[in-house]
Amino acid sequence: MLLNTIVLDFSATIDEQSIFELVFDYISGMSTTHHPSTTVYFDGACPVCSREIGMVRRQIGADDLQWVDVANCEASALGVGLTRSAAMARLHLRRADGSLVSGARAFTELWRALPRWAWAGRLLGRGPGLWLLESGYSVFLFVRRSWRKA
């Protein structure tokens, strides 16, 4: 009945594909129109980083984010306040308001943008959780440097 109501209300002004998209949006609560407002800067030359980002990019909600491989982008893609060396050193995320965060804070904000991972972002995004995550990330970054020298 709900589907018939939606189709009848809009059938005079839109085509069948648009009706399907409207019904899908209504039922799922998700918009098919993407307005990227958050940008993730990652090191595409790092095999572990690339694998992790590849997994994250397949998640629901990832299409709403902009992704910049800092190893292979123009300098202008980094935006204001971010150098290539800083971006290569650790994960960065530019919020919709233009502010930058990095490291564990960037991960937790990235996770919050993904419906299936939002719980992890909320759980680890402050207090002791954020401290532990940043500590673990610092260890990873130390090990990662040795991989690059080898």
Protein backbone atom coordinates (compact mmCIF):
# COMPACT_ATOMS: atom_id res chain seq x y z
CA MET A 1 0.00 0.00 0.00
CA LEU A 2 2.80 2.42 0.89
CA LEU A 3 4.58 1.67 -2.38
CA ASN A 4 1.40 2.31 -4.37
CA THR A 5 0.93 5.64 -2.58
CA ILE A 6 4.48 6.73 -3.37
CA VAL A 7 4.21 5.67 -7.01
CA LEU A 8 0.82 7.33 -7.47
CA ASP A 9 2.00 10.57 -5.88
CA PHE A 10 5.01 10.92 -8.15
CA SER A 11 4.21 8.96 -11.32
CA ALA A 12 2.93 11.96 -13.23
CA THR A 13 6.21 13.86 -12.98
CA ILE A 14 9.07 11.33 -12.94
CA ASP A 15 10.20 8.28 -14.87
CA GLU A 16 10.30 4.67 -13.61
CA GLN A 17 14.01 4.80 -12.63
CA SER A 18 13.39 7.87 -10.50
CA ILE A 19 10.41 6.19 -8.85
CA PHE A 20 12.60 3.26 -7.93
CA GLU A 21 15.24 5.59 -6.45
CA LEU A 22 12.63 7.50 -4.45
CA VAL A 23 11.11 4.30 -3.08
CA PHE A 24 14.54 2.93 -2.20
CA ASP A 25 15.51 6.18 -0.48
CA TYR A 26 12.24 6.25 1.44
CA ILE A 27 12.50 2.65 2.60
CA SER A 28 16.22 2.61 3.40
CA GLY A 29 16.47 6.13 4.77
CA MET A 30 19.53 6.68 2.62
CA SER A 31 19.92 9.30 -0.06
CA THR A 32 21.34 8.29 -3.43
CA THR A 33 22.61 11.84 -3.90
CA HIS A 34 26.07 12.23 -2.46
CA HIS A 35 27.44 15.51 -1.19
CA PRO A 36 31.02 14.86 -0.12
CA SER A 37 31.92 17.05 2.80
CA THR A 38 34.61 15.03 4.56
CA THR A 39 37.94 14.22 2.93
CA VAL A 40 40.23 11.36 3.92
CA TYR A 41 43.95 11.67 3.07
CA PHE A 42 45.81 8.35 2.98
CA ASP A 43 49.18 7.00 1.83
CA GLY A 44 48.43 4.87 -1.22
CA ALA A 45 52.10 3.84 -1.44
CA CYS A 46 51.83 1.96 1.86
CA PRO A 47 50.57 -1.59 1.20
CA VAL A 48 48.95 -1.99 4.63
CA CYS A 49 47.36 1.47 4.42
CA SER A 50 46.04 0.79 0.92
CA ARG A 51 44.54 -2.53 1.98
CA GLU A 52 42.83 -0.93 4.99
CA ILE A 53 41.49 2.00 2.96
CA GLY A 54 40.29 -0.41 0.26
CA MET A 55 38.26 -2.29 2.87
CA VAL A 56 36.84 0.93 4.29
CA ARG A 57 35.91 2.27 0.85
CA ARG A 58 33.70 -0.77 0.26
CA GLN A 59 31.58 0.05 3.33
CA ILE A 60 28.14 1.62 3.17
CA GLY A 61 28.54 5.38 3.50
CA ALA A 62 32.06 5.53 2.05
CA ASP A 63 30.76 7.04 -1.20
CA ASP A 64 29.78 10.11 0.82
CA LEU A 65 33.46 10.80 1.55
CA GLN A 66 36.20 12.16 -0.66
CA TRP A 67 39.36 10.05 -0.83
CA VAL A 68 42.79 11.48 -1.64
CA ASP A 69 45.80 9.22 -2.19
CA VAL A 70 48.52 11.60 -1.03
CA ALA A 71 51.26 9.54 -2.70
CA ASN A 72 49.76 10.18 -6.14
CA CYS A 73 47.85 13.48 -5.99
CA GLU A 74 48.55 17.03 -7.07
CA ALA A 75 49.68 19.33 -4.26
CA SER A 76 46.46 21.35 -4.66
CA ALA A 77 44.41 18.27 -3.67
CA LEU A 78 45.85 18.50 -0.15
CA GLY A 79 44.07 21.76 0.57
CA VAL A 80 44.97 24.43 3.08
CA GLY A 81 47.19 23.56 6.01
CA LEU A 82 48.29 20.07 4.92
CA THR A 83 51.71 19.36 3.43
CA ARG A 84 52.53 16.21 1.50
CA SER A 85 55.11 15.15 4.10
CA ALA A 86 52.58 15.53 6.94
CA ALA A 87 49.93 13.68 4.94
CA MET A 88 52.35 10.85 4.12
CA ALA A 89 53.33 10.51 7.78
CA ARG A 90 49.85 9.64 9.14
CA LEU A 91 46.19 9.45 8.22
CA HIS A 92 44.44 12.83 8.00
CA LEU A 93 40.79 13.76 7.72
CA ARG A 94 39.39 17.17 6.80
CA ARG A 95 36.02 17.81 8.41
CA ALA A 96 33.16 19.53 6.62
CA ASP A 97 34.09 22.78 8.41
CA GLY A 98 37.63 22.62 6.92
CA SER A 99 39.46 21.67 10.11
CA LEU A 100 42.01 18.85 10.02
CA VAL A 101 42.44 15.93 12.39
CA SER A 102 44.97 13.13 12.16
CA GLY A 103 45.89 9.77 13.59
CA ALA A 104 43.45 8.05 15.92
CA ARG A 105 41.08 11.03 15.88
CA ALA A 106 40.91 10.78 12.06
CA PHE A 107 40.13 7.06 12.28
CA THR A 108 37.34 7.54 14.80
CA GLU A 109 35.75 10.32 12.76
CA LEU A 110 36.05 8.20 9.62
CA TRP A 111 34.35 5.29 11.40
CA ARG A 112 31.54 7.57 12.61
CA ALA A 113 30.79 8.42 8.98
CA LEU A 114 30.18 4.72 8.20
CA PRO A 115 26.93 3.23 9.54
CA ARG A 116 28.45 -0.20 10.30
CA TRP A 117 31.46 1.31 12.08
CA ALA A 118 29.85 4.29 13.84
CA TRP A 119 29.69 2.39 17.14
CA ALA A 120 33.50 1.96 17.10
CA GLY A 121 34.00 5.65 16.39
CA ARG A 122 31.76 6.60 19.30
CA LEU A 123 33.32 4.05 21.66
CA LEU A 124 36.95 4.87 20.89
CA GLY A 125 36.59 8.53 19.93
CA ARG A 126 37.25 10.03 23.36
CA GLY A 127 38.92 9.47 26.68
CA PRO A 128 40.88 6.31 27.30
CA GLY A 129 39.69 4.70 24.07
CA LEU A 130 41.19 7.47 21.96
CA TRP A 131 44.40 7.41 23.99
CA LEU A 132 44.77 3.64 23.53
CA LEU A 133 44.00 3.87 19.83
CA GLU A 134 46.54 6.68 19.34
CA SER A 135 49.15 4.68 21.26
CA GLY A 136 48.57 1.65 19.04
CA TYR A 137 48.65 3.82 15.91
CA SER A 138 51.97 5.34 17.02
CA VAL A 139 53.46 1.84 17.31
CA PHE A 140 52.15 1.02 13.82
CA LEU A 141 53.70 4.23 12.44
CA PHE A 142 57.06 3.34 13.99
CA VAL A 143 57.01 -0.13 12.42
CA ARG A 144 55.80 1.33 9.13
CA ARG A 145 58.88 3.58 8.92
CA SER A 146 61.14 0.54 9.11
CA TRP A 147 59.23 -1.08 6.22
CA ARG A 148 59.86 2.00 4.07
CA LYS A 149 63.63 1.93 4.79
CA ALA A 150 63.94 -1.75 3.91
